[in-house]
Amino acid sequence: MKNIPLAEQMRPTTLDQYYGQEHLVGKDSILREALEKGQIPSMIFWGPPGVGKTTLSYLIANYLKWNFYKISAVNSGVRDIRDAIESARKSEEPSILFIDEIHRFSKSQQDSLLGAVEEGILTLIGATTENPSFEVISPLLSRCQVYVLKTLNRSQLEAILDNAKIIMENQLQQTISVQESEALLRISGGDARKLLNAFELTVTSLARKSQHITITNKDVETVIQQNLVMYDKKGENHYDIISAFIKSIRGSDPNAAVYWLARMVAGGEDPLFIARRMLILASEDIGNANPNALLLANTCFQSVNVIGMPEGKLILSQTAIYLACSPKSNASYIAINNALSTVEKTKDLPVPLHLRNAPTKLMSELSYGKDYKYAHNYNHNFVNQEFFPDDLTGTTFYNPGNNSRENELRSRLKQLWKDKYNY
């Protein structure tokens, strides 16, 4: 058992041993009820790493006593899919095909699944960390139920840690005291596998020095820092590196951005994942300070999708450098979040009558659209009128950033609206 990673040793064998995702497999939950009826749809599990997507798939197959075929989109192709489909076709028992990282499959690879799923030859379970709306082809997505898996919370992670401590104590025949767990929980980021790997590394390191193992935050940080390269090679630092990459661009450091980009390229990261994150950043962190940033990021995504690697790294590098050197503004990001917060508080305020659509005679008689002023009929294509519900008049969501482009926008808005929005 000592040669088997702790995370693998702790993989649950029944649904009752499974941590988290009560909304899916807890009592009276939708997926649990489907399992109890023995009828499950093809499905996509969407969630961050280490929350139990693969484990839940195993448990579903085990619960139903169905055949279980597993392939990874990283190192499998159409032939592997066809082999699994053929095995399922020949079997008298129902079959589940689990595809890990299904977002890495190309359109043609995903297309090859359609017939088997449609005919009921097998039930598909795909796992992805990416939004399936963008990464799974529409015909396949329409035949699957999407279930969102949530990051594990503190109490769930601590329960996992308690069980891990018992297993490690039995293996090493040493007592383990977790004096401080904050560093372990922080490193995990809600990822159970990351938590267990960090705990196992720390315990193994400290076990060489003392019969009684006492774990502190400092111990964890020291051990993990020493083993950071190992984490990278195992792909455990995937989200830490993309975080460093994005923060370097946000911080206007093209040199650091290219370094972290190179780390991801060398590690075999999905180039579309990198391009997608830059596309988000172009709007979130640059926005109207430089609208061309979003255009370039979108072109980068499309170009990398067409060209692929290794040439795609040139486009990724050019875009990362451009975004890092661009002026920054998160004004659009703040604006939509503030607006959503207001919508949550004020709920469904009525649309003013003059802004309503009036496609029928009755609606016109009810004054829908009455007194609306068509902006193009006025000088400079602008007329001062109210566009908010009465309760929100004068509310400011968009506050232009302090950069040349948005300062121009601020001046124009002030000229148009005078003091209404305090521009």
Protein backbone atom coordinates (compact mmCIF):
# COMPACT_ATOMS: atom_id res chain seq x y z
CA MET A 1 0.00 0.00 0.00
CA LYS A 2 2.90 2.35 0.66
CA ASN A 3 3.64 2.63 -3.07
CA ILE A 4 0.08 3.70 -3.87
CA PRO A 5 -0.45 7.49 -3.66
CA LEU A 6 -2.54 8.54 -0.68
CA ALA A 7 -5.11 10.20 -2.96
CA GLU A 8 -5.67 6.88 -4.71
CA GLN A 9 -5.88 4.97 -1.44
CA MET A 10 -8.61 7.32 -0.26
CA ARG A 11 -10.75 7.09 -3.37
CA PRO A 12 -14.22 6.16 -2.05
CA THR A 13 -15.87 2.90 -3.10
CA THR A 14 -19.47 3.84 -2.27
CA LEU A 15 -21.57 6.99 -2.60
CA ASP A 16 -21.83 7.22 1.18
CA GLN A 17 -18.03 7.64 1.38
CA TYR A 18 -18.05 10.40 -1.24
CA TYR A 19 -17.22 13.94 -0.09
CA GLY A 20 -19.14 16.97 -1.32
CA GLN A 21 -21.62 17.42 -4.19
CA GLU A 22 -24.64 16.82 -1.95
CA HIS A 23 -26.74 18.72 -4.50
CA LEU A 24 -26.08 15.86 -6.92
CA VAL A 25 -25.78 12.68 -4.84
CA GLY A 26 -27.21 13.64 -1.45
CA LYS A 27 -30.58 12.44 -0.22
CA ASP A 28 -33.44 13.32 -2.62
CA SER A 29 -30.99 14.91 -5.09
CA ILE A 30 -31.70 14.68 -8.81
CA LEU A 31 -28.82 12.38 -9.72
CA ARG A 32 -29.28 10.15 -6.67
CA GLU A 33 -32.95 9.64 -7.58
CA ALA A 34 -32.00 8.75 -11.15
CA LEU A 35 -29.48 6.21 -9.84
CA GLU A 36 -32.04 4.64 -7.53
CA LYS A 37 -34.36 4.23 -10.51
CA GLY A 38 -31.52 2.65 -12.48
CA GLN A 39 -31.90 5.18 -15.29
CA ILE A 40 -29.30 7.85 -15.88
CA PRO A 41 -28.83 10.16 -18.86
CA SER A 42 -25.60 10.77 -20.68
CA MET A 43 -23.97 13.62 -18.79
CA ILE A 44 -21.15 16.10 -18.54
CA PHE A 45 -19.50 16.78 -15.19
CA TRP A 46 -18.21 20.35 -15.18
CA GLY A 47 -16.08 21.57 -12.29
CA PRO A 48 -12.59 22.48 -11.07
CA PRO A 49 -9.92 19.81 -10.59
CA GLY A 50 -9.93 17.58 -7.54
CA VAL A 51 -13.64 17.79 -6.72
CA GLY A 52 -14.48 14.18 -7.60
CA LYS A 53 -15.55 14.05 -11.25
CA THR A 54 -13.68 10.82 -12.05
CA THR A 55 -14.52 9.26 -8.70
CA LEU A 56 -18.22 9.99 -9.08
CA SER A 57 -18.20 8.32 -12.49
CA TYR A 58 -16.65 5.16 -11.01
CA LEU A 59 -19.18 5.18 -8.19
CA ILE A 60 -22.11 5.53 -10.58
CA ALA A 61 -20.95 2.52 -12.61
CA ASN A 62 -20.32 0.55 -9.42
CA TYR A 63 -23.75 1.47 -8.01
CA LEU A 64 -25.54 0.41 -11.20
CA LYS A 65 -23.27 -2.64 -11.78
CA TRP A 66 -22.71 -1.49 -15.37
CA ASN A 67 -19.66 -1.98 -17.56
CA PHE A 68 -17.22 0.90 -17.25
CA TYR A 69 -14.85 2.08 -19.97
CA LYS A 70 -12.49 4.96 -19.30
CA ILE A 71 -10.42 6.95 -21.78
CA SER A 72 -8.56 10.23 -21.49
CA ALA A 73 -8.92 12.85 -24.21
CA VAL A 74 -5.25 13.77 -23.66
CA ASN A 75 -3.86 10.53 -25.10
CA SER A 76 -6.81 8.84 -26.85
CA GLY A 77 -8.31 9.18 -30.30
CA VAL A 78 -11.20 8.05 -32.49
CA ARG A 79 -9.90 4.47 -32.55
CA ASP A 80 -10.10 4.25 -28.75
CA ILE A 81 -13.65 5.58 -28.89
CA ARG A 82 -14.65 3.04 -31.53
CA ASP A 83 -13.08 0.19 -29.55
CA ALA A 84 -15.09 1.18 -26.46
CA ILE A 85 -18.29 1.50 -28.51
CA GLU A 86 -17.74 -1.91 -30.10
CA SER A 87 -17.17 -3.54 -26.70
CA ALA A 88 -20.33 -1.90 -25.37
CA ARG A 89 -22.28 -3.04 -28.43
CA LYS A 90 -21.25 -6.68 -27.89
CA SER A 91 -21.98 -6.66 -24.15
CA GLU A 92 -25.35 -7.78 -22.84
CA GLU A 93 -24.98 -5.39 -19.88
CA PRO A 94 -25.43 -1.60 -20.06
CA SER A 95 -22.17 0.33 -20.41
CA ILE A 96 -20.75 3.68 -19.33
CA LEU A 97 -17.99 5.39 -21.31
CA PHE A 98 -16.14 7.92 -19.16
CA ILE A 99 -14.04 10.48 -21.04
CA ASP A 100 -11.72 12.56 -18.89
CA GLU A 101 -10.96 16.09 -20.13
CA ILE A 102 -13.51 15.76 -22.92
CA HIS A 103 -12.90 19.42 -23.84
CA ARG A 104 -9.58 18.34 -25.37
CA PHE A 105 -11.32 16.22 -28.00
CA SER A 106 -11.60 17.77 -31.46
CA LYS A 107 -14.95 18.22 -33.23
CA SER A 108 -14.42 15.05 -35.28
CA GLN A 109 -13.57 13.04 -32.16
CA GLN A 110 -16.70 14.29 -30.42
CA ASP A 111 -18.73 13.60 -33.57
CA SER A 112 -17.68 9.94 -33.38
CA LEU A 113 -19.60 9.62 -30.09
CA LEU A 114 -22.94 10.87 -31.40
CA GLY A 115 -24.29 7.66 -32.93
CA ALA A 116 -23.56 5.47 -29.90
CA VAL A 117 -25.06 7.99 -27.49
CA GLU A 118 -28.12 8.52 -29.69
CA GLU A 119 -28.74 4.79 -30.15
CA GLY A 120 -28.25 4.07 -26.46
CA ILE A 121 -25.33 1.72 -27.08
CA LEU A 122 -23.63 3.35 -24.12
CA THR A 123 -24.12 6.13 -21.61
CA LEU A 124 -21.53 8.88 -21.90
CA ILE A 125 -20.03 10.64 -18.89
CA GLY A 126 -17.63 13.42 -19.83
CA ALA A 127 -15.53 15.35 -17.33
CA THR A 128 -14.27 18.86 -17.99
CA THR A 129 -12.83 21.86 -16.17
CA GLU A 130 -13.93 24.10 -19.04
CA ASN A 131 -17.36 25.52 -19.87
CA PRO A 132 -19.04 22.77 -21.93
CA SER A 133 -21.06 25.40 -23.81
CA PHE A 134 -17.83 26.35 -25.56
CA GLU A 135 -15.94 23.06 -25.53
CA VAL A 136 -18.54 20.38 -26.33
CA ILE A 137 -20.18 20.37 -29.76
CA SER A 138 -23.86 21.34 -29.74
CA PRO A 139 -25.26 18.00 -31.06
CA LEU A 140 -23.47 16.09 -28.29
CA LEU A 141 -24.22 18.66 -25.61
CA SER A 142 -27.93 18.54 -26.46
CA ARG A 143 -27.93 14.82 -25.72
CA CYS A 144 -26.26 15.22 -22.33
CA GLN A 145 -27.31 16.58 -18.97
CA VAL A 146 -24.73 19.02 -17.58
CA TYR A 147 -24.02 18.71 -13.86
CA VAL A 148 -21.89 21.36 -12.14
CA LEU A 149 -19.56 20.09 -9.41
CA LYS A 150 -18.59 22.57 -6.73
CA THR A 151 -15.26 23.27 -5.02
CA LEU A 152 -15.01 21.40 -1.72
CA ASN A 153 -15.59 23.57 1.34
CA ARG A 154 -13.44 23.80 4.46
CA SER A 155 -15.38 21.27 6.53
CA GLN A 156 -15.26 18.70 3.71
CA LEU A 157 -11.52 19.20 3.24
CA GLU A 158 -10.92 18.89 6.99
CA ALA A 159 -12.91 15.64 7.08
CA ILE A 160 -10.73 14.30 4.24
CA LEU A 161 -7.64 15.40 6.16
CA ASP A 162 -8.80 13.59 9.31
CA ASN A 163 -9.20 10.33 7.41
CA ALA A 164 -5.86 10.82 5.66
CA LYS A 165 -4.16 11.25 9.04
CA ILE A 166 -5.51 7.90 10.25
CA ILE A 167 -4.31 6.10 7.11
CA MET A 168 -0.83 7.64 7.29
CA GLU A 169 -0.52 6.84 11.02
CA ASN A 170 -1.35 3.19 10.34
CA GLN A 171 1.12 3.01 7.47
CA LEU A 172 4.02 4.68 9.25
CA GLN A 173 3.22 3.44 12.75
CA GLN A 174 3.77 6.99 13.93
CA THR A 175 1.45 9.52 15.55
CA ILE A 176 0.56 12.58 13.50
CA SER A 177 -0.65 15.86 14.99
CA VAL A 178 -1.97 18.55 12.63
CA GLN A 179 -1.38 21.64 14.77
CA GLU A 180 -2.17 24.04 11.92
CA SER A 181 -4.08 23.24 8.73
CA GLU A 182 -4.39 26.68 7.11
CA ALA A 183 -1.42 26.20 4.77
CA LEU A 184 -2.66 22.79 3.63
CA LEU A 185 -6.13 24.15 2.95
CA ARG A 186 -4.76 27.21 1.17
CA ILE A 187 -2.51 25.10 -1.06
CA SER A 188 -5.40 22.78 -1.90
CA GLY A 189 -7.61 25.56 -3.26
CA GLY A 190 -10.59 23.26 -2.74
CA ASP A 191 -8.87 20.42 -4.64
CA ALA A 192 -8.93 17.19 -2.59
CA ARG A 193 -6.16 15.58 -4.63
CA LYS A 194 -3.90 18.59 -4.12
CA LEU A 195 -4.66 18.54 -0.39
CA LEU A 196 -3.77 14.86 -0.05
CA ASN A 197 -0.59 15.18 -2.13
CA ALA A 198 0.57 18.12 -0.02
CA PHE A 199 -0.28 16.29 3.21
CA GLU A 200 1.49 13.11 2.08
CA LEU A 201 4.61 15.02 1.03
CA THR A 202 4.72 16.88 4.33
CA VAL A 203 4.18 13.79 6.48
CA THR A 204 6.73 11.75 4.52
CA SER A 205 9.32 14.51 4.88
CA LEU A 206 8.77 15.01 8.62
CA ALA A 207 8.62 11.27 9.33
CA ARG A 208 12.34 10.98 8.68
CA LYS A 209 13.11 13.36 11.54
CA SER A 210 10.88 12.30 14.44
CA GLN A 211 8.67 9.48 15.72
CA HIS A 212 5.94 11.96 16.58
CA ILE A 213 4.98 14.10 13.57
CA THR A 214 3.66 17.58 14.30
CA ILE A 215 2.51 19.59 11.28
CA THR A 216 2.54 23.40 11.28
CA ASN A 217 1.92 25.92 8.51
CA LYS A 218 5.66 26.59 8.31
CA ASP A 219 6.41 22.89 7.86
CA VAL A 220 3.92 22.62 5.01
CA GLU A 221 5.19 25.73 3.21
CA THR A 222 8.82 24.59 3.50
CA VAL A 223 8.15 21.07 2.20
CA ILE A 224 5.89 22.18 -0.65
CA GLN A 225 8.37 24.83 -1.78
CA GLN A 226 11.10 22.18 -1.94
CA ASN A 227 8.85 19.92 -4.00
CA LEU A 228 7.37 22.58 -6.28
CA VAL A 229 9.05 21.13 -9.37
CA MET A 230 7.49 17.76 -8.60
CA TYR A 231 4.07 19.39 -8.37
CA ASP A 232 4.57 21.05 -11.74
CA LYS A 233 5.56 17.80 -13.42
CA LYS A 234 2.45 16.12 -12.11
CA GLY A 235 0.28 18.95 -13.37
CA GLU A 236 -0.80 19.86 -9.84
CA ASN A 237 0.35 23.47 -10.29
CA HIS A 238 -1.76 24.00 -13.40
CA TYR A 239 -4.00 26.66 -11.89
CA ASP A 240 -1.19 28.33 -9.96
CA ILE A 241 0.79 28.93 -13.16
CA ILE A 242 -2.14 30.28 -15.15
CA SER A 243 -2.84 32.54 -12.17
CA ALA A 244 0.76 33.85 -12.24
CA PHE A 245 0.47 34.36 -16.01
CA ILE A 246 -2.76 36.38 -15.79
CA LYS A 247 -1.50 38.43 -12.84
CA SER A 248 1.71 39.25 -14.72
CA ILE A 249 -0.28 40.57 -17.68
CA ARG A 250 -2.61 42.48 -15.36
CA GLY A 251 0.48 43.93 -13.68
CA SER A 252 1.86 45.11 -17.07
CA ASP A 253 4.98 42.89 -16.93
CA PRO A 254 5.49 41.37 -20.41
CA ASN A 255 8.69 39.62 -19.34
CA ALA A 256 7.10 37.68 -16.51
CA ALA A 257 4.05 37.00 -18.70
CA VAL A 258 6.20 35.37 -21.39
CA TYR A 259 8.06 33.33 -18.76
CA TRP A 260 4.83 31.85 -17.34
CA LEU A 261 3.57 31.34 -20.90
CA ALA A 262 6.74 29.37 -21.67
CA ARG A 263 6.19 27.26 -18.54
CA MET A 264 2.73 26.34 -19.78
CA VAL A 265 3.84 25.68 -23.36
CA ALA A 266 6.72 23.48 -22.16
CA GLY A 267 4.32 21.60 -19.87
CA GLY A 268 1.95 20.79 -22.71
CA GLU A 269 -0.89 23.09 -21.59
CA ASP A 270 -3.89 23.31 -23.91
CA PRO A 271 -3.16 26.42 -26.03
CA LEU A 272 -6.87 27.21 -26.34
CA PHE A 273 -7.11 27.31 -22.55
CA ILE A 274 -4.35 29.95 -22.51
CA ALA A 275 -5.95 31.92 -25.36
CA ARG A 276 -9.34 31.79 -23.67
CA ARG A 277 -7.97 33.20 -20.45
CA MET A 278 -6.34 36.08 -22.35
CA LEU A 279 -9.68 36.72 -24.07
CA ILE A 280 -11.33 37.11 -20.66
CA LEU A 281 -8.50 39.31 -19.38
CA ALA A 282 -8.74 41.62 -22.39
CA SER A 283 -12.22 42.60 -21.30
CA GLU A 284 -11.88 42.27 -17.53
CA ASP A 285 -8.55 44.06 -17.04
CA ILE A 286 -8.15 46.26 -20.13
CA GLY A 287 -11.65 46.91 -21.43
CA ASN A 288 -12.25 50.34 -22.92
CA ALA A 289 -8.78 51.55 -21.98
CA ASN A 290 -7.82 49.80 -25.23
CA PRO A 291 -10.74 48.15 -27.08
CA ASN A 292 -8.30 46.70 -29.63
CA ALA A 293 -7.05 44.33 -26.93
CA LEU A 294 -10.28 42.34 -27.07
CA LEU A 295 -10.10 42.19 -30.87
CA LEU A 296 -6.52 40.91 -30.81
CA ALA A 297 -7.29 38.37 -28.07
CA ASN A 298 -10.24 37.05 -30.07
CA THR A 299 -8.09 36.83 -33.19
CA CYS A 300 -5.47 34.98 -31.14
CA PHE A 301 -8.04 32.41 -30.00
CA GLN A 302 -9.32 31.85 -33.54
CA SER A 303 -5.81 31.68 -35.02
CA VAL A 304 -4.48 29.20 -32.47
CA ASN A 305 -7.59 27.08 -33.03
CA VAL A 306 -6.85 26.97 -36.77
CA ILE A 307 -3.05 26.69 -36.67
CA GLY A 308 -2.49 24.61 -33.55
CA MET A 309 0.89 23.99 -31.99
CA PRO A 310 3.84 24.42 -32.13
CA GLU A 311 3.39 27.52 -34.33
CA GLY A 312 0.54 28.73 -32.13
CA LYS A 313 3.03 29.66 -29.43
CA LEU A 314 4.12 32.66 -31.54
CA ILE A 315 0.58 34.04 -31.60
CA LEU A 316 0.16 33.40 -27.87
CA SER A 317 3.41 35.22 -27.17
CA GLN A 318 2.52 38.23 -29.35
CA THR A 319 -0.87 38.55 -27.71
CA ALA A 320 0.44 38.14 -24.15
CA ILE A 321 3.05 40.85 -24.72
CA TYR A 322 0.49 43.21 -26.29
CA LEU A 323 -1.96 42.73 -23.42
CA ALA A 324 0.75 43.20 -20.81
CA CYS A 325 1.92 46.45 -22.43
CA SER A 326 -1.62 47.78 -22.85
CA PRO A 327 -3.16 50.38 -20.49
CA LYS A 328 -5.41 48.75 -17.89
CA SER A 329 -8.96 49.34 -16.72
CA ASN A 330 -11.41 47.14 -14.83
CA ALA A 331 -14.22 49.68 -15.11
CA SER A 332 -16.42 47.40 -17.25
CA TYR A 333 -15.88 44.51 -14.83
CA ILE A 334 -16.87 46.68 -11.86
CA ALA A 335 -19.85 48.11 -13.77
CA ILE A 336 -21.50 44.75 -14.49
CA ASN A 337 -20.84 43.44 -10.97
CA ASN A 338 -22.35 46.57 -9.44
CA ALA A 339 -25.33 46.31 -11.76
CA LEU A 340 -25.86 42.64 -10.90
CA SER A 341 -25.67 43.49 -7.20
CA THR A 342 -28.35 46.17 -7.69
CA VAL A 343 -30.55 43.76 -9.68
CA GLU A 344 -30.28 41.25 -6.82
CA LYS A 345 -31.40 43.88 -4.30
CA THR A 346 -34.11 45.58 -6.37
CA LYS A 347 -35.36 42.50 -8.28
CA ASP A 348 -37.73 43.11 -11.22
CA LEU A 349 -38.33 46.83 -11.36
CA PRO A 350 -40.87 47.72 -14.09
CA VAL A 351 -39.63 49.02 -17.43
CA PRO A 352 -40.75 52.67 -17.87
CA LEU A 353 -43.69 52.90 -20.27
CA HIS A 354 -41.88 55.08 -22.77
CA LEU A 355 -39.16 52.42 -23.18
CA ARG A 356 -41.51 49.50 -23.70
CA ASN A 357 -42.09 47.81 -27.03
CA ALA A 358 -45.56 48.29 -28.53
CA PRO A 359 -46.11 45.61 -31.20
CA THR A 360 -49.90 45.50 -30.76
CA LYS A 361 -52.70 48.06 -30.85
CA LEU A 362 -53.64 47.26 -27.25
CA MET A 363 -50.12 47.99 -26.06
CA SER A 364 -50.16 51.31 -27.88
CA GLU A 365 -53.46 52.14 -26.22
CA LEU A 366 -51.86 51.35 -22.86
CA SER A 367 -49.19 54.01 -23.63
CA TYR A 368 -46.41 51.52 -24.33
CA GLY A 369 -43.68 53.49 -26.09
CA LYS A 370 -45.50 56.81 -25.67
CA ASP A 371 -43.23 59.87 -25.27
CA TYR A 372 -40.12 57.90 -26.29
CA LYS A 373 -37.66 60.26 -28.00
CA TYR A 374 -35.74 58.81 -30.94
CA ALA A 375 -32.14 59.95 -30.39
CA HIS A 376 -31.34 60.25 -34.12
CA ASN A 377 -33.99 62.92 -34.52
CA TYR A 378 -31.99 65.32 -32.32
CA ASN A 379 -28.73 67.24 -32.64
CA HIS A 380 -25.64 65.10 -32.15
CA ASN A 381 -27.95 62.04 -32.02
CA PHE A 382 -28.67 62.62 -28.34
CA VAL A 383 -31.65 63.73 -26.27
CA ASN A 384 -31.83 63.88 -22.50
CA GLN A 385 -34.41 61.35 -21.36
CA GLU A 386 -34.73 58.79 -18.57
CA PHE A 387 -33.68 55.21 -19.29
CA PHE A 388 -33.77 53.83 -15.73
CA PRO A 389 -36.72 52.60 -13.67
CA ASP A 390 -37.84 55.43 -11.36
CA ASP A 391 -36.18 53.91 -8.28
CA LEU A 392 -32.74 53.88 -9.91
CA THR A 393 -32.62 57.24 -11.66
CA GLY A 394 -29.15 58.80 -11.47
CA THR A 395 -27.44 55.53 -10.46
CA THR A 396 -23.87 55.26 -11.77
CA PHE A 397 -22.50 51.80 -12.57
CA TYR A 398 -19.80 52.69 -15.08
CA ASN A 399 -16.98 54.87 -13.75
CA PRO A 400 -14.41 55.33 -16.57
CA GLY A 401 -10.84 54.44 -15.67
CA ASN A 402 -8.04 56.99 -15.52
CA ASN A 403 -6.48 56.43 -18.96
CA SER A 404 -6.49 58.41 -22.19
CA ARG A 405 -9.31 56.56 -23.93
CA GLU A 406 -11.65 56.40 -20.96
CA ASN A 407 -10.89 59.99 -20.01
CA GLU A 408 -12.29 60.88 -23.44
CA LEU A 409 -15.36 58.78 -22.65
CA ARG A 410 -15.75 60.53 -19.29
CA SER A 411 -15.61 63.94 -20.97
CA ARG A 412 -18.23 62.93 -23.54
CA LEU A 413 -20.56 61.48 -20.88
CA LYS A 414 -20.21 64.62 -18.76
CA GLN A 415 -20.98 66.78 -21.77
CA LEU A 416 -24.11 64.73 -22.55
CA TRP A 417 -25.47 64.09 -19.08
CA LYS A 418 -24.15 67.17 -17.22
CA ASP A 419 -24.28 66.37 -13.48
CA LYS A 420 -26.77 63.51 -13.62
CA TYR A 421 -24.18 60.73 -13.21
CA ASN A 422 -21.47 62.80 -11.53
CA TYR A 423 -19.02 62.44 -14.39
